Amino acid sequence: MNELLPPIIYQLGLGALGGFIVGFAVKKAIKILISLAMIFFLILIYLGFSGIITINFDKLMEAVKQAFGLGQEVSGWLIPIISTLPLTGSFLVGFILGFKVG
């Protein structure tokens, strides 16, 4: 039991620290990307209403549905994450804390 505890503690600490850093960075990046996307869409809407461009909303909605239809590919990378549960669990806790702080 004494030989098993240090590697688990190392995995938990490393996972939590890495998760915190990644969560913090991801939240900052998401904020920037959402701001840029909103500015882009506002410019598109303005150009569409002023008659400068024509937007095919059917094609736009089809592209958005395809972009967010990636949920079926998750199972391929979810199983290896589950096999490393201590590291993954502490990473997720750190990620959530970093995401909240960021």
C-alpha atoms as a PDB file:
ATOM      1  CA  MET A   1       0.000   0.000   0.000  1.00  0.00           C
ATOM      2  CA  ASN A   2       2.886   2.347   0.782  1.00  0.00           C
ATOM      3  CA  GLU A   3       4.315   1.881  -2.709  1.00  0.00           C
ATOM      4  CA  LEU A   4       0.939   2.538  -4.365  1.00  0.00           C
ATOM      5  CA  LEU A   5       0.114   5.839  -2.658  1.00  0.00           C
ATOM      6  CA  PRO A   6       2.868   8.180  -4.050  1.00  0.00           C
ATOM      7  CA  PRO A   7       2.097   7.479  -7.749  1.00  0.00           C
ATOM      8  CA  ILE A   8      -1.617   8.091  -7.151  1.00  0.00           C
ATOM      9  CA  ILE A   9      -0.901  11.333  -5.274  1.00  0.00           C
ATOM     10  CA  TYR A  10       1.449  12.397  -8.085  1.00  0.00           C
ATOM     11  CA  GLN A  11      -1.235  11.681 -10.705  1.00  0.00           C
ATOM     12  CA  LEU A  12      -3.884  13.550  -8.721  1.00  0.00           C
ATOM     13  CA  GLY A  13      -1.673  16.608  -8.185  1.00  0.00           C
ATOM     14  CA  LEU A  14      -0.404  16.710 -11.735  1.00  0.00           C
ATOM     15  CA  GLY A  15      -3.884  16.235 -13.136  1.00  0.00           C
ATOM     16  CA  ALA A  16      -5.382  18.958 -10.946  1.00  0.00           C
ATOM     17  CA  LEU A  17      -2.637  21.457 -11.787  1.00  0.00           C
ATOM     18  CA  GLY A  18      -2.791  20.691 -15.498  1.00  0.00           C
ATOM     19  CA  GLY A  19      -6.574  20.844 -15.485  1.00  0.00           C
ATOM     20  CA  PHE A  20      -6.570  24.203 -13.720  1.00  0.00           C
ATOM     21  CA  ILE A  21      -4.155  25.701 -16.241  1.00  0.00           C
ATOM     22  CA  VAL A  22      -6.029  24.291 -19.239  1.00  0.00           C
ATOM     23  CA  GLY A  23      -9.432  25.327 -17.844  1.00  0.00           C
ATOM     24  CA  PHE A  24      -8.223  28.863 -17.208  1.00  0.00           C
ATOM     25  CA  ALA A  25      -6.758  29.151 -20.714  1.00  0.00           C
ATOM     26  CA  VAL A  26      -9.789  27.594 -22.401  1.00  0.00           C
ATOM     27  CA  LYS A  27     -12.188  30.016 -20.724  1.00  0.00           C
ATOM     28  CA  LYS A  28     -10.087  33.002 -21.816  1.00  0.00           C
ATOM     29  CA  ALA A  29      -9.861  31.649 -25.375  1.00  0.00           C
ATOM     30  CA  ILE A  30     -13.612  30.991 -25.504  1.00  0.00           C
ATOM     31  CA  LYS A  31     -14.344  34.551 -24.410  1.00  0.00           C
ATOM     32  CA  ILE A  32     -12.131  35.940 -27.175  1.00  0.00           C
ATOM     33  CA  LEU A  33     -13.548  33.597 -29.836  1.00  0.00           C
ATOM     34  CA  ILE A  34     -17.152  34.351 -28.899  1.00  0.00           C
ATOM     35  CA  SER A  35     -16.466  38.077 -29.034  1.00  0.00           C
ATOM     36  CA  LEU A  36     -14.859  37.784 -32.461  1.00  0.00           C
ATOM     37  CA  ALA A  37     -17.670  35.545 -33.756  1.00  0.00           C
ATOM     38  CA  MET A  38     -20.328  37.992 -32.559  1.00  0.00           C
ATOM     39  CA  ILE A  39     -18.565  40.906 -34.237  1.00  0.00           C
ATOM     40  CA  PHE A  40     -18.307  38.861 -37.444  1.00  0.00           C
ATOM     41  CA  PHE A  41     -22.007  37.945 -37.388  1.00  0.00           C
ATOM     42  CA  LEU A  42     -23.040  41.512 -36.615  1.00  0.00           C
ATOM     43  CA  ILE A  43     -21.039  42.703 -39.623  1.00  0.00           C
ATOM     44  CA  LEU A  44     -22.662  39.987 -41.790  1.00  0.00           C
ATOM     45  CA  ILE A  45     -26.141  40.954 -40.608  1.00  0.00           C
ATOM     46  CA  TYR A  46     -25.448  44.624 -41.276  1.00  0.00           C
ATOM     47  CA  LEU A  47     -24.129  43.879 -44.762  1.00  0.00           C
ATOM     48  CA  GLY A  48     -27.139  41.666 -45.448  1.00  0.00           C
ATOM     49  CA  PHE A  49     -29.670  44.280 -44.356  1.00  0.00           C
ATOM     50  CA  SER A  50     -27.947  47.040 -46.281  1.00  0.00           C
ATOM     51  CA  GLY A  51     -28.099  44.948 -49.462  1.00  0.00           C
ATOM     52  CA  ILE A  52     -24.348  44.621 -49.975  1.00  0.00           C
ATOM     53  CA  ILE A  53     -24.375  40.826 -49.663  1.00  0.00           C
ATOM     54  CA  THR A  54     -27.026  38.097 -49.837  1.00  0.00           C
ATOM     55  CA  ILE A  55     -27.033  35.423 -47.130  1.00  0.00           C
ATOM     56  CA  ASN A  56     -28.413  31.950 -47.891  1.00  0.00           C
ATOM     57  CA  PHE A  57     -29.787  31.113 -44.440  1.00  0.00           C
ATOM     58  CA  ASP A  58     -30.659  27.528 -45.392  1.00  0.00           C
ATOM     59  CA  LYS A  59     -27.034  26.759 -46.265  1.00  0.00           C
ATOM     60  CA  LEU A  60     -25.847  28.604 -43.143  1.00  0.00           C
ATOM     61  CA  MET A  61     -28.092  26.517 -40.876  1.00  0.00           C
ATOM     62  CA  GLU A  62     -26.948  23.317 -42.630  1.00  0.00           C
ATOM     63  CA  ALA A  63     -23.302  24.233 -42.036  1.00  0.00           C
ATOM     64  CA  VAL A  64     -23.984  24.978 -38.361  1.00  0.00           C
ATOM     65  CA  LYS A  65     -25.743  21.625 -37.915  1.00  0.00           C
ATOM     66  CA  GLN A  66     -22.789  19.806 -39.484  1.00  0.00           C
ATOM     67  CA  ALA A  67     -20.317  21.667 -37.289  1.00  0.00           C
ATOM     68  CA  PHE A  68     -22.139  20.709 -34.090  1.00  0.00           C
ATOM     69  CA  GLY A  69     -22.901  17.142 -35.155  1.00  0.00           C
ATOM     70  CA  LEU A  70     -19.552  15.857 -33.876  1.00  0.00           C
ATOM     71  CA  GLY A  71     -21.031  14.193 -30.779  1.00  0.00           C
ATOM     72  CA  GLN A  72     -20.945  10.717 -32.303  1.00  0.00           C
ATOM     73  CA  GLU A  73     -17.157  10.749 -32.553  1.00  0.00           C
ATOM     74  CA  VAL A  74     -16.757  11.192 -28.798  1.00  0.00           C
ATOM     75  CA  SER A  75     -16.867   7.480 -27.944  1.00  0.00           C
ATOM     76  CA  GLY A  76     -13.579   6.875 -29.776  1.00  0.00           C
ATOM     77  CA  TRP A  77     -11.552   8.996 -27.365  1.00  0.00           C
ATOM     78  CA  LEU A  78     -13.704   8.616 -24.249  1.00  0.00           C
ATOM     79  CA  ILE A  79     -12.646   5.037 -23.426  1.00  0.00           C
ATOM     80  CA  PRO A  80      -8.904   5.825 -23.017  1.00  0.00           C
ATOM     81  CA  ILE A  81      -9.813   8.738 -20.726  1.00  0.00           C
ATOM     82  CA  ILE A  82     -11.897   6.464 -18.516  1.00  0.00           C
ATOM     83  CA  SER A  83      -8.985   4.030 -18.204  1.00  0.00           C
ATOM     84  CA  THR A  84      -6.851   6.755 -16.582  1.00  0.00           C
ATOM     85  CA  LEU A  85      -9.477   7.718 -14.001  1.00  0.00           C
ATOM     86  CA  PRO A  86      -7.330   9.242 -11.185  1.00  0.00           C
ATOM     87  CA  LEU A  87      -5.508  11.570 -13.552  1.00  0.00           C
ATOM     88  CA  THR A  88      -8.679  12.349 -15.493  1.00  0.00           C
ATOM     89  CA  GLY A  89     -10.762  13.004 -12.390  1.00  0.00           C
ATOM     90  CA  SER A  90      -8.279  15.395 -10.847  1.00  0.00           C
ATOM     91  CA  PHE A  91      -7.760  17.036 -14.240  1.00  0.00           C
ATOM     92  CA  LEU A  92     -11.499  17.668 -14.523  1.00  0.00           C
ATOM     93  CA  VAL A  93     -11.666  19.135 -11.018  1.00  0.00           C
ATOM     94  CA  GLY A  94      -8.721  21.404 -11.802  1.00  0.00           C
ATOM     95  CA  PHE A  95     -10.251  22.287 -15.160  1.00  0.00           C
ATOM     96  CA  ILE A  96     -13.531  23.305 -13.548  1.00  0.00           C
ATOM     97  CA  LEU A  97     -11.730  25.416 -10.928  1.00  0.00           C
ATOM     98  CA  GLY A  98      -9.570  27.075 -13.583  1.00  0.00           C
ATOM     99  CA  PHE A  99     -12.610  27.684 -15.755  1.00  0.00           C
ATOM    100  CA  LYS A 100     -14.441  29.336 -12.858  1.00  0.00           C
ATOM    101  CA  VAL A 101     -11.458  31.530 -11.952  1.00  0.00           C
ATOM    102  CA  GLY A 102     -10.749  32.511 -15.560  1.00  0.00           C
END
